[in-house]
Amino acid sequence: MLLSFANYQKMGGTLLEPDFEKLESDAEDVINPLINFFYLHKDIDTDMDKERVWLVQKAITLQIDFTSRLGSSTPDEMAKNDVKSVNVDGTSVSTGLSPLSFTQHGVYTVALDYLYQSGLLFRGVRHAETT
C-alpha cells in the first residue's frame, strides 16, 4: 500500500475509511504502470526523496477522490459511465464533458501533473553532464 489512510487524510482526502481501501488499491493499479512500478522495488516509507513521495501520494489522493466523485475507479468502469446522449421516446439527455475528458489511461489529469513533477514518468535517456 503506497498511501495509508492517515496520510490520505493529511493530503486532504475526503473519504471515510471504509471506502478508502478499494479505491486506494484501484488508484495504485492505474498509477503503478505509469511510474514503472517504482515502489515495488523501493519502499515508499524509506525513500529519502520526500518530495517525490509527497508528489506520488498526492497523486494517489487526487485519483481516489476523483474516482469516488465519479462513481467508477477503473478505466473500464469509467468507459461504461461515459454517457454523452440518451434518447428514449423523444426525450433526450446529454451531458457536457464526459468523465473520460478528465483522464488519460484512467488517471485523473490533475493527478498526472503531480506524477510528472515526481520525475517518475521520465522515460528518456539521461545525458552525461559536461564540465
C-alpha atoms as a PDB file:
ATOM      1  CA  MET A   1       0.000   0.000   0.000  1.00  0.00           C
ATOM      2  CA  LEU A   2       1.542   3.296  -1.116  1.00  0.00           C
ATOM      3  CA  LEU A   3      -0.787   5.513   0.883  1.00  0.00           C
ATOM      4  CA  SER A   4      -2.104   4.913   4.380  1.00  0.00           C
ATOM      5  CA  PHE A   5      -5.485   6.268   5.384  1.00  0.00           C
ATOM      6  CA  ALA A   6      -3.790   8.665   7.832  1.00  0.00           C
ATOM      7  CA  ASN A   7      -1.584  10.090   5.065  1.00  0.00           C
ATOM      8  CA  TYR A   8      -4.575  10.247   2.743  1.00  0.00           C
ATOM      9  CA  GLN A   9      -6.360  12.447   5.267  1.00  0.00           C
ATOM     10  CA  LYS A  10      -3.234  14.631   5.696  1.00  0.00           C
ATOM     11  CA  MET A  11      -3.164  15.081   1.913  1.00  0.00           C
ATOM     12  CA  GLY A  12      -6.718  16.443   2.004  1.00  0.00           C
ATOM     13  CA  GLY A  13      -8.584  13.248   1.121  1.00  0.00           C
ATOM     14  CA  THR A  14     -12.311  13.368   1.759  1.00  0.00           C
ATOM     15  CA  LEU A  15     -13.445   9.735   2.011  1.00  0.00           C
ATOM     16  CA  LEU A  16     -14.284   7.760   5.099  1.00  0.00           C
ATOM     17  CA  GLU A  17     -12.042   4.801   5.880  1.00  0.00           C
ATOM     18  CA  PRO A  18     -14.422   2.002   4.753  1.00  0.00           C
ATOM     19  CA  ASP A  19     -14.445   3.389   1.195  1.00  0.00           C
ATOM     20  CA  PHE A  20     -10.727   4.146   1.117  1.00  0.00           C
ATOM     21  CA  GLU A  21      -9.083   0.717   0.803  1.00  0.00           C
ATOM     22  CA  LYS A  22     -10.638  -0.405  -2.504  1.00  0.00           C
ATOM     23  CA  LEU A  23     -10.203   2.977  -4.142  1.00  0.00           C
ATOM     24  CA  GLU A  24      -6.592   3.200  -2.958  1.00  0.00           C
ATOM     25  CA  SER A  25      -5.883  -0.209  -4.495  1.00  0.00           C
ATOM     26  CA  ASP A  26      -7.588   0.797  -7.762  1.00  0.00           C
ATOM     27  CA  ALA A  27      -5.598   4.059  -7.818  1.00  0.00           C
ATOM     28  CA  GLU A  28      -2.367   2.099  -7.424  1.00  0.00           C
ATOM     29  CA  ASP A  29      -3.436  -0.221 -10.249  1.00  0.00           C
ATOM     30  CA  VAL A  30      -3.567   2.659 -12.738  1.00  0.00           C
ATOM     31  CA  ILE A  31      -0.636   4.681 -11.351  1.00  0.00           C
ATOM     32  CA  ASN A  32       1.927   1.891 -10.802  1.00  0.00           C
ATOM     33  CA  PRO A  33       2.327   1.045 -14.510  1.00  0.00           C
ATOM     34  CA  LEU A  34       2.879   4.728 -15.290  1.00  0.00           C
ATOM     35  CA  ILE A  35       5.668   5.049 -12.725  1.00  0.00           C
ATOM     36  CA  ASN A  36       7.203   1.782 -13.927  1.00  0.00           C
ATOM     37  CA  PHE A  37       6.306   0.045 -10.634  1.00  0.00           C
ATOM     38  CA  PHE A  38       8.997   2.145  -8.938  1.00  0.00           C
ATOM     39  CA  TYR A  39       7.740   1.432  -5.422  1.00  0.00           C
ATOM     40  CA  LEU A  40       7.644  -2.319  -5.940  1.00  0.00           C
ATOM     41  CA  HIS A  41      11.445  -2.161  -5.883  1.00  0.00           C
ATOM     42  CA  LYS A  42      11.821   0.617  -3.340  1.00  0.00           C
ATOM     43  CA  ASP A  43       9.961   1.051  -0.059  1.00  0.00           C
ATOM     44  CA  ILE A  44       7.998   4.303  -0.189  1.00  0.00           C
ATOM     45  CA  ASP A  45       8.337   4.695   3.585  1.00  0.00           C
ATOM     46  CA  THR A  46      12.150   4.682   3.418  1.00  0.00           C
ATOM     47  CA  ASP A  47      12.521   6.694   0.205  1.00  0.00           C
ATOM     48  CA  MET A  48      14.840   9.586   1.086  1.00  0.00           C
ATOM     49  CA  ASP A  49      13.339  11.787  -1.652  1.00  0.00           C
ATOM     50  CA  LYS A  50      10.467  13.157   0.438  1.00  0.00           C
ATOM     51  CA  GLU A  51       9.288  15.466  -2.343  1.00  0.00           C
ATOM     52  CA  ARG A  52       8.875  12.513  -4.722  1.00  0.00           C
ATOM     53  CA  VAL A  53       6.997  10.565  -2.034  1.00  0.00           C
ATOM     54  CA  TRP A  54       4.717  13.549  -1.376  1.00  0.00           C
ATOM     55  CA  LEU A  55       4.014  14.028  -5.105  1.00  0.00           C
ATOM     56  CA  VAL A  56       3.145  10.342  -5.633  1.00  0.00           C
ATOM     57  CA  GLN A  57       0.956  10.187  -2.535  1.00  0.00           C
ATOM     58  CA  LYS A  58      -0.791  13.427  -3.517  1.00  0.00           C
ATOM     59  CA  ALA A  59      -1.435  11.959  -6.986  1.00  0.00           C
ATOM     60  CA  ILE A  60      -2.961   8.852  -5.400  1.00  0.00           C
ATOM     61  CA  THR A  61      -5.110  11.043  -3.126  1.00  0.00           C
ATOM     62  CA  LEU A  62      -6.360  13.061  -6.101  1.00  0.00           C
ATOM     63  CA  GLN A  63      -7.067   9.857  -8.053  1.00  0.00           C
ATOM     64  CA  ILE A  64      -9.027   8.365  -5.144  1.00  0.00           C
ATOM     65  CA  ASP A  65     -11.164  11.470  -4.656  1.00  0.00           C
ATOM     66  CA  PHE A  66     -11.773  11.847  -8.414  1.00  0.00           C
ATOM     67  CA  THR A  67     -12.897   8.248  -8.821  1.00  0.00           C
ATOM     68  CA  SER A  68     -15.050   8.500  -5.709  1.00  0.00           C
ATOM     69  CA  ARG A  69     -16.880  11.534  -7.115  1.00  0.00           C
ATOM     70  CA  LEU A  70     -17.149   9.816 -10.473  1.00  0.00           C
ATOM     71  CA  GLY A  71     -18.531   6.592  -9.044  1.00  0.00           C
ATOM     72  CA  SER A  72     -16.088   4.443 -11.017  1.00  0.00           C
ATOM     73  CA  SER A  73     -12.480   3.705 -10.198  1.00  0.00           C
ATOM     74  CA  THR A  74     -11.170   1.637 -13.101  1.00  0.00           C
ATOM     75  CA  PRO A  75     -10.803   2.587 -16.777  1.00  0.00           C
ATOM     76  CA  ASP A  76     -13.437   0.045 -17.876  1.00  0.00           C
ATOM     77  CA  GLU A  77     -15.947   1.358 -15.305  1.00  0.00           C
ATOM     78  CA  MET A  78     -15.235   4.913 -16.486  1.00  0.00           C
ATOM     79  CA  ALA A  79     -15.896   3.905 -20.082  1.00  0.00           C
ATOM     80  CA  LYS A  80     -19.224   2.334 -19.103  1.00  0.00           C
ATOM     81  CA  ASN A  81     -20.243   5.560 -17.318  1.00  0.00           C
ATOM     82  CA  ASP A  82     -19.203   7.745 -20.247  1.00  0.00           C
ATOM     83  CA  VAL A  83     -22.759   8.569 -21.360  1.00  0.00           C
ATOM     84  CA  LYS A  84     -22.993  11.512 -23.732  1.00  0.00           C
ATOM     85  CA  SER A  85     -26.514  11.153 -25.021  1.00  0.00           C
ATOM     86  CA  VAL A  86     -29.637   9.121 -24.290  1.00  0.00           C
ATOM     87  CA  ASN A  87     -32.838   9.295 -26.304  1.00  0.00           C
ATOM     88  CA  VAL A  88     -35.960   7.480 -25.110  1.00  0.00           C
ATOM     89  CA  ASP A  89     -39.324   8.099 -26.782  1.00  0.00           C
ATOM     90  CA  GLY A  90     -38.381  11.608 -27.877  1.00  0.00           C
ATOM     91  CA  THR A  91     -36.829  12.607 -24.550  1.00  0.00           C
ATOM     92  CA  SER A  92     -33.097  13.115 -24.693  1.00  0.00           C
ATOM     93  CA  VAL A  93     -30.450  13.600 -22.078  1.00  0.00           C
ATOM     94  CA  SER A  94     -26.955  14.805 -22.885  1.00  0.00           C
ATOM     95  CA  THR A  95     -24.018  15.731 -20.742  1.00  0.00           C
ATOM     96  CA  GLY A  96     -21.250  18.210 -21.450  1.00  0.00           C
ATOM     97  CA  LEU A  97     -17.806  16.870 -20.776  1.00  0.00           C
ATOM     98  CA  SER A  98     -17.550  13.186 -20.087  1.00  0.00           C
ATOM     99  CA  PRO A  99     -15.528  11.684 -17.231  1.00  0.00           C
ATOM    100  CA  LEU A 100     -13.013  10.417 -19.758  1.00  0.00           C
ATOM    101  CA  SER A 101     -12.327  14.030 -20.784  1.00  0.00           C
ATOM    102  CA  PHE A 102     -10.520  14.415 -17.461  1.00  0.00           C
ATOM    103  CA  THR A 103      -8.399  11.256 -17.664  1.00  0.00           C
ATOM    104  CA  GLN A 104      -5.518   9.738 -19.571  1.00  0.00           C
ATOM    105  CA  HIS A 105      -5.299   5.944 -19.370  1.00  0.00           C
ATOM    106  CA  GLY A 106      -7.768   6.077 -16.481  1.00  0.00           C
ATOM    107  CA  VAL A 107      -5.655   8.524 -14.453  1.00  0.00           C
ATOM    108  CA  TYR A 108      -7.103  11.896 -13.490  1.00  0.00           C
ATOM    109  CA  THR A 109      -5.183  14.591 -15.377  1.00  0.00           C
ATOM    110  CA  VAL A 110      -4.514  16.636 -12.226  1.00  0.00           C
ATOM    111  CA  ALA A 111      -3.000  13.534 -10.583  1.00  0.00           C
ATOM    112  CA  LEU A 112      -0.851  13.106 -13.706  1.00  0.00           C
ATOM    113  CA  ASP A 113       0.500  16.626 -13.254  1.00  0.00           C
ATOM    114  CA  TYR A 114       1.802  15.606  -9.829  1.00  0.00           C
ATOM    115  CA  LEU A 115       3.332  12.428 -11.251  1.00  0.00           C
ATOM    116  CA  TYR A 116       5.115  14.423 -13.960  1.00  0.00           C
ATOM    117  CA  GLN A 117       6.673  16.600 -11.266  1.00  0.00           C
ATOM    118  CA  SER A 118       7.895  13.496  -9.411  1.00  0.00           C
ATOM    119  CA  GLY A 119      10.186  12.593 -12.309  1.00  0.00           C
ATOM    120  CA  LEU A 120       8.875   9.033 -12.355  1.00  0.00           C
ATOM    121  CA  LEU A 121       7.218   9.411 -15.777  1.00  0.00           C
ATOM    122  CA  PHE A 122      10.525  10.263 -17.465  1.00  0.00           C
ATOM    123  CA  ARG A 123      11.470   7.577 -19.963  1.00  0.00           C
ATOM    124  CA  GLY A 124      14.251   9.326 -21.893  1.00  0.00           C
ATOM    125  CA  VAL A 125      17.961   8.812 -21.866  1.00  0.00           C
ATOM    126  CA  ARG A 126      19.871  10.954 -19.432  1.00  0.00           C
ATOM    127  CA  HIS A 127      22.690  12.938 -20.967  1.00  0.00           C
ATOM    128  CA  ALA A 128      26.079  12.891 -19.288  1.00  0.00           C
ATOM    129  CA  GLU A 129      26.944  16.239 -17.788  1.00  0.00           C
ATOM    130  CA  THR A 130      29.835  18.042 -19.385  1.00  0.00           C
ATOM    131  CA  THR A 131      32.308  20.035 -17.344  1.00  0.00           C
END
